Amino acid sequence: MSKAFDNAYRTIREGIISGVYPQGSHLTAQQLAELTGLSRTPVREAMRRLDAEGLISLIPNRGAFVSRWTREEIEQIYELRVMLEAFAAQTAAERANPEQVEELRAIADRMTAALQSPEIDYEGITEINAEFHRAVLEACGNARLRELLGSLTEMPLILSTFRNYSRAQLERSAAQHVELVEAISLRDGALAHAVMTAHIRTARQTLVRQATP
């Protein structure tokens, strides 16, 4: 793929994740070409890929629309996350080595520190959160599970969750990360499973409240 295509794809995708292009927004190749400073050809290619990934819907003679998530779809996605990610946390508690535990602790501390700033850096916190969850998957030592959950947790719906959080909710999420690290360090699989379950359900409740019926 060309560099122009890569730039168009990353820019538009980030715009969807960050909320620059909210759910249901109408997008045209001309509009996006002007916003990105690129020609319409790579923009159209990027739009086709985003359509294939389910981030937008291309409708003949009407253009593209940022995909909407219904309550039912969110419930289904988060049911999967609860089952798979709680199991991954439990398995990480049983298998993580000391270096992996320390890595998890360092990431959790970075998220806590990031929330001390008067201005919330949603992009930075979102990346730290994604890094933490990737580290849990790495610590579980199950390549197939990592692959399954990786495709799920990298969905824009998941990545954009924190932009719907208040500061208090972000602080609670960071505290749950700390609790999870402690459970893993204690080799307490049942506790790790319970903490991750509560953590994912909190995110689900936040998104469901704001979703379309």
Protein backbone atom coordinates (compact mmCIF):
# COMPACT_ATOMS: atom_id res chain seq x y z
CA MET A 1 0.00 0.00 0.00
CA SER A 2 1.14 3.58 -0.67
CA LYS A 3 2.24 6.02 1.99
CA ALA A 4 -0.67 8.29 1.01
CA PHE A 5 -3.10 5.43 1.61
CA ASP A 6 -1.54 4.68 5.01
CA ASN A 7 -1.75 8.34 6.02
CA ALA A 8 -5.37 8.60 4.91
CA TYR A 9 -6.33 5.38 6.66
CA ARG A 10 -4.65 6.29 9.97
CA THR A 11 -5.99 9.85 9.95
CA ILE A 12 -9.60 8.89 9.24
CA ARG A 13 -9.51 5.94 11.65
CA GLU A 14 -8.12 8.14 14.44
CA GLY A 15 -10.83 10.70 13.68
CA ILE A 16 -13.47 8.02 14.20
CA ILE A 17 -11.88 6.70 17.40
CA SER A 18 -11.35 10.17 18.87
CA GLY A 19 -14.88 11.31 18.14
CA VAL A 20 -13.94 13.92 15.54
CA TYR A 21 -16.32 11.99 13.28
CA PRO A 22 -19.14 10.89 15.64
CA GLN A 23 -21.36 7.87 15.07
CA GLY A 24 -23.73 8.49 12.18
CA SER A 25 -21.59 11.27 10.65
CA HIS A 26 -21.79 11.65 6.88
CA LEU A 27 -18.37 11.48 5.23
CA THR A 28 -17.45 12.17 1.61
CA ALA A 29 -14.18 11.55 -0.20
CA GLN A 30 -13.97 15.23 -1.13
CA GLN A 31 -14.48 16.37 2.45
CA LEU A 32 -11.90 13.93 3.81
CA ALA A 33 -9.41 14.77 1.07
CA GLU A 34 -9.61 18.44 2.02
CA LEU A 35 -9.28 17.69 5.74
CA THR A 36 -6.30 15.35 5.31
CA GLY A 37 -4.59 17.31 2.53
CA LEU A 38 -4.50 14.20 0.36
CA SER A 39 -5.95 13.38 -3.03
CA ARG A 40 -9.26 11.57 -3.31
CA THR A 41 -7.74 8.32 -4.64
CA PRO A 42 -5.98 7.23 -1.41
CA VAL A 43 -8.91 8.56 0.61
CA ARG A 44 -11.34 6.38 -1.34
CA GLU A 45 -9.05 3.37 -0.84
CA ALA A 46 -8.92 4.09 2.89
CA MET A 47 -12.71 4.40 3.02
CA ARG A 48 -13.10 0.99 1.37
CA ARG A 49 -10.85 -0.58 3.98
CA LEU A 50 -12.70 1.15 6.81
CA ASP A 51 -15.96 -0.13 5.33
CA ALA A 52 -14.55 -3.68 5.27
CA GLU A 53 -13.55 -3.29 8.93
CA GLY A 54 -17.04 -2.12 9.86
CA LEU A 55 -16.01 1.36 10.96
CA ILE A 56 -18.03 3.08 8.27
CA SER A 57 -20.83 2.06 5.93
CA LEU A 58 -20.48 2.91 2.24
CA ILE A 59 -23.89 3.47 0.68
CA PRO A 60 -24.17 3.86 -3.12
CA ASN A 61 -25.12 7.39 -4.23
CA ARG A 62 -25.16 8.60 -0.62
CA GLY A 63 -21.56 8.40 0.54
CA ALA A 64 -20.20 6.98 3.78
CA PHE A 65 -21.54 7.08 7.32
CA VAL A 66 -19.67 6.38 10.54
CA SER A 67 -21.08 3.16 11.95
CA ARG A 68 -23.49 3.31 14.86
CA TRP A 69 -23.40 0.76 17.68
CA THR A 70 -26.71 -0.38 19.12
CA ARG A 71 -27.18 -1.46 22.73
CA GLU A 72 -27.59 -5.05 21.58
CA GLU A 73 -24.30 -4.99 19.66
CA ILE A 74 -22.46 -3.47 22.62
CA GLU A 75 -23.91 -6.08 24.95
CA GLN A 76 -22.79 -8.87 22.63
CA ILE A 77 -19.25 -7.49 22.27
CA TYR A 78 -18.85 -6.99 26.00
CA GLU A 79 -20.25 -10.40 26.84
CA LEU A 80 -17.35 -11.79 24.81
CA ARG A 81 -14.88 -9.46 26.51
CA VAL A 82 -16.03 -10.51 29.98
CA MET A 83 -15.72 -14.20 29.19
CA LEU A 84 -12.41 -14.04 27.36
CA GLU A 85 -10.58 -11.25 29.15
CA ALA A 86 -11.52 -12.42 32.65
CA PHE A 87 -10.19 -15.85 31.72
CA ALA A 88 -7.01 -14.21 30.37
CA ALA A 89 -6.55 -12.38 33.68
CA GLN A 90 -7.06 -15.58 35.64
CA THR A 91 -4.56 -17.39 33.44
CA ALA A 92 -2.06 -14.53 33.75
CA ALA A 93 -2.24 -14.89 37.54
CA GLU A 94 -1.29 -18.53 37.16
CA ARG A 95 1.47 -18.08 34.56
CA ALA A 96 2.97 -14.57 34.71
CA ASN A 97 6.67 -14.38 35.48
CA PRO A 98 8.14 -11.68 37.79
CA GLU A 99 9.22 -9.49 34.86
CA GLN A 100 5.71 -9.51 33.41
CA VAL A 101 4.21 -8.61 36.78
CA GLU A 102 6.60 -5.68 37.10
CA GLU A 103 5.74 -4.53 33.59
CA LEU A 104 2.03 -4.57 34.46
CA ARG A 105 2.73 -2.65 37.66
CA ALA A 106 4.74 -0.02 35.79
CA ILE A 107 1.97 0.49 33.23
CA ALA A 108 -0.68 0.74 35.97
CA ASP A 109 1.46 3.34 37.78
CA ARG A 110 1.81 5.36 34.58
CA MET A 111 -1.96 5.50 34.18
CA THR A 112 -2.41 6.60 37.80
CA ALA A 113 0.24 9.30 37.30
CA ALA A 114 -1.37 10.50 34.06
CA LEU A 115 -4.58 11.22 35.95
CA GLN A 116 -2.82 13.65 38.28
CA SER A 117 -2.77 16.26 35.52
CA PRO A 118 -5.47 18.98 35.68
CA GLU A 119 -6.25 18.37 32.00
CA ILE A 120 -7.19 14.83 31.02
CA ASP A 121 -5.11 13.52 28.11
CA TYR A 122 -7.70 11.10 26.73
CA GLU A 123 -5.49 9.99 23.86
CA GLY A 124 -2.55 9.26 26.16
CA ILE A 125 -4.67 7.45 28.74
CA THR A 126 -6.37 5.39 26.03
CA GLU A 127 -2.97 4.23 24.77
CA ILE A 128 -1.78 3.36 28.30
CA ASN A 129 -4.97 1.40 28.88
CA ALA A 130 -4.55 -0.52 25.62
CA GLU A 131 -0.92 -1.23 26.54
CA PHE A 132 -2.02 -2.60 29.93
CA HIS A 133 -4.59 -4.95 28.44
CA ARG A 134 -2.08 -6.13 25.83
CA ALA A 135 0.38 -6.88 28.64
CA VAL A 136 -2.24 -8.97 30.47
CA LEU A 137 -2.79 -10.97 27.28
CA GLU A 138 0.95 -11.43 26.88
CA ALA A 139 1.24 -12.64 30.47
CA CYS A 140 -1.49 -15.24 30.02
CA GLY A 141 0.78 -17.10 27.62
CA ASN A 142 -2.01 -18.26 25.29
CA ALA A 143 -1.27 -17.20 21.71
CA ARG A 144 -4.72 -18.13 20.39
CA LEU A 145 -6.45 -16.18 23.13
CA ARG A 146 -4.18 -13.20 22.47
CA GLU A 147 -5.15 -13.28 18.81
CA LEU A 148 -8.87 -13.53 19.54
CA LEU A 149 -8.90 -10.79 22.15
CA GLY A 150 -6.49 -8.61 20.21
CA SER A 151 -8.96 -8.31 17.34
CA LEU A 152 -11.74 -7.53 19.81
CA THR A 153 -9.97 -4.98 22.02
CA GLU A 154 -8.57 -3.06 19.03
CA MET A 155 -12.08 -2.22 17.81
CA PRO A 156 -12.69 1.56 17.75
CA LEU A 157 -15.74 1.02 19.97
CA ILE A 158 -13.40 -0.37 22.66
CA LEU A 159 -10.56 2.08 22.07
CA SER A 160 -12.87 5.09 22.37
CA THR A 161 -14.50 3.96 25.63
CA PHE A 162 -12.51 6.32 27.85
CA ARG A 163 -13.75 9.38 25.97
CA ASN A 164 -17.12 8.70 27.59
CA TYR A 165 -15.66 8.56 31.12
CA SER A 166 -15.68 11.22 33.81
CA ARG A 167 -12.50 11.81 35.83
CA ALA A 168 -13.95 9.76 38.69
CA GLN A 169 -14.63 6.86 36.33
CA LEU A 170 -11.11 7.07 34.92
CA GLU A 171 -9.67 7.02 38.43
CA ARG A 172 -11.76 3.96 39.27
CA SER A 173 -10.54 2.23 36.12
CA ALA A 174 -6.92 3.00 37.05
CA ALA A 175 -7.55 1.66 40.56
CA GLN A 176 -8.92 -1.56 39.07
CA HIS A 177 -5.71 -1.93 37.08
CA VAL A 178 -3.74 -1.69 40.33
CA GLU A 179 -6.05 -4.25 41.97
CA LEU A 180 -5.57 -6.58 39.03
CA VAL A 181 -1.78 -6.33 39.23
CA GLU A 182 -1.93 -7.21 42.92
CA ALA A 183 -4.14 -10.23 42.20
CA ILE A 184 -1.75 -11.43 39.50
CA SER A 185 1.30 -10.89 41.72
CA LEU A 186 -0.40 -12.96 44.46
CA ARG A 187 -1.16 -15.74 41.95
CA ASP A 188 -4.82 -15.36 42.90
CA GLY A 189 -6.61 -16.43 39.72
CA ALA A 190 -10.10 -16.16 41.19
CA LEU A 191 -9.49 -12.58 42.34
CA ALA A 192 -7.95 -11.60 39.00
CA HIS A 193 -11.00 -13.04 37.23
CA ALA A 194 -13.37 -11.08 39.49
CA VAL A 195 -11.49 -7.78 39.13
CA MET A 196 -11.32 -8.01 35.35
CA THR A 197 -15.01 -8.95 35.18
CA ALA A 198 -15.96 -5.85 37.18
CA HIS A 199 -13.60 -3.72 35.09
CA ILE A 200 -15.12 -4.78 31.75
CA ARG A 201 -18.71 -4.54 33.02
CA THR A 202 -18.12 -0.94 34.10
CA ALA A 203 -17.11 -0.04 30.55
CA ARG A 204 -20.11 -1.89 29.15
CA GLN A 205 -22.54 0.00 31.37
CA THR A 206 -21.05 3.34 30.33
CA LEU A 207 -21.37 2.60 26.62
CA VAL A 208 -24.82 1.02 26.85
CA ARG A 209 -26.23 4.14 28.53
CA GLN A 210 -25.10 6.27 25.60
CA ALA A 211 -25.89 3.86 22.76
CA THR A 212 -28.74 4.02 20.29
CA PRO A 213 -31.60 1.56 21.02
